[in-house]
């Protein structure tokens, strides 16, 4: 969430900067004024509590003085009890106002920098750069749904019968491809100084609420019940990695810290009803490698790191030979935490389109503030706490990458395996077709 001081002009804040950011997001500008109003009420209530405490302190001193002089304190003791009751009521009011203020505050997105195009139309995402020329493929090009079936790498119907819609079994070369991408991707990032982390696959609600937007709870997150209360399955390892340093002070000498989170991810995909229902491109369960980095808030460190992270992703897909483009997401499509976001979109020959493979975001101190992950130690005389900056970037969501690999490497007889993956595929360089094509009614229409 944003620093409340941004909303206080008398403390050097600039509410108009926040309003402009909300306009760029095509979000509720009135929320800024609501925060200011509730914050003013909170500060007045807080002042009232402070005054009552001063009054109680004076009463206590006077009672002690009279007791030492063996004078009657009955009236003062009664007044002290009354003041304590008033303090309790006032503090309750303060807590309620703070909760109301922070609820609205948390709904306001991160500040959008000038480098982000202002639009609410993702078709206008600026193309930052492209790589690779889409290679000619066997005509007509098969889509990933057919290709994975024909190499004997999947069981769609059995997956649906066991797990419901979007369920699947990977098997044979499909399972090997999935594991190869995980192993190669991990090796790729470890060589670049990342520490491997396998996080918990579920989180307590309070911890998840500090890392995920409210609408994610309805559209993305699965809730599981059991001993110890309800928990939420993770939709990305970014969520537990974000909370990894919760309530900690981070030594400036020890950052940046680079993590690669490896996890299975679980998503309800409620907002994607009816989209990509065939195949494994958009599924409820998949494996993913995620870059997660904590940096200093100073010296442009997080913005430099954002470029490093998208470069890592680009190098990974270049090594796999998948043509792609990098786009900068327009302001109206940013999630609340992201100040800026790049997507890397891979080329899919069957549909003749680019589709998202990587999302790379600089969340600056937006997440860290709510998680109380602070930068350095607060020194005497410091007027404010500093918070680290947090960034996240996909390296590889395996099911989507399998789809891109199959389509870009298909031949008339099967699929070539990229050289980088062959050591992780038991040396296999080619995956032959071993089954006939799916029935026509099970094949999605070409776009």
Foldseek 3Di string as FASTA:
>chain_A
DDDLVLLPVVSVHPLVLLLVQCVLQVHDSVLSVVLNVLVVVLVVLVVVLVVLVVVLVVLVVVLVVCVVVVHDCVVSVVVNVVSVVVNVVSVVVSVVSVVVSVVSVLVRFDRADPVFARDQDQVPFAFPWWDADQDDAPPPFAFLLFFCVQLVQKDDVVQCVVPNFQGIDGDDVNVLLQVLCVVLVVVLVVVVVAAEDADDQKAQPVLQPLQDDPVCVVFWWDWDADPPGIIIGAQDVCSVVLLVLFQHEDEQVPDWHKYKYKYKHATPNNVVPPPPRGANQDHGIFIFIKIKTWHALDDCVLVVVLVVVVVSLVVLVVLQNWIWTKTKGHSNPDDRQFNTKIFIWTAFSQQRDTHTFKIKGWSRCSSQVSRVHFYHDDDPPDPDTHGITMIMMTNGRSRNVSRRQQRSQDHPFHGAGRPSSCVSSVNDGTRGGDDDGDPPVSGDDHD
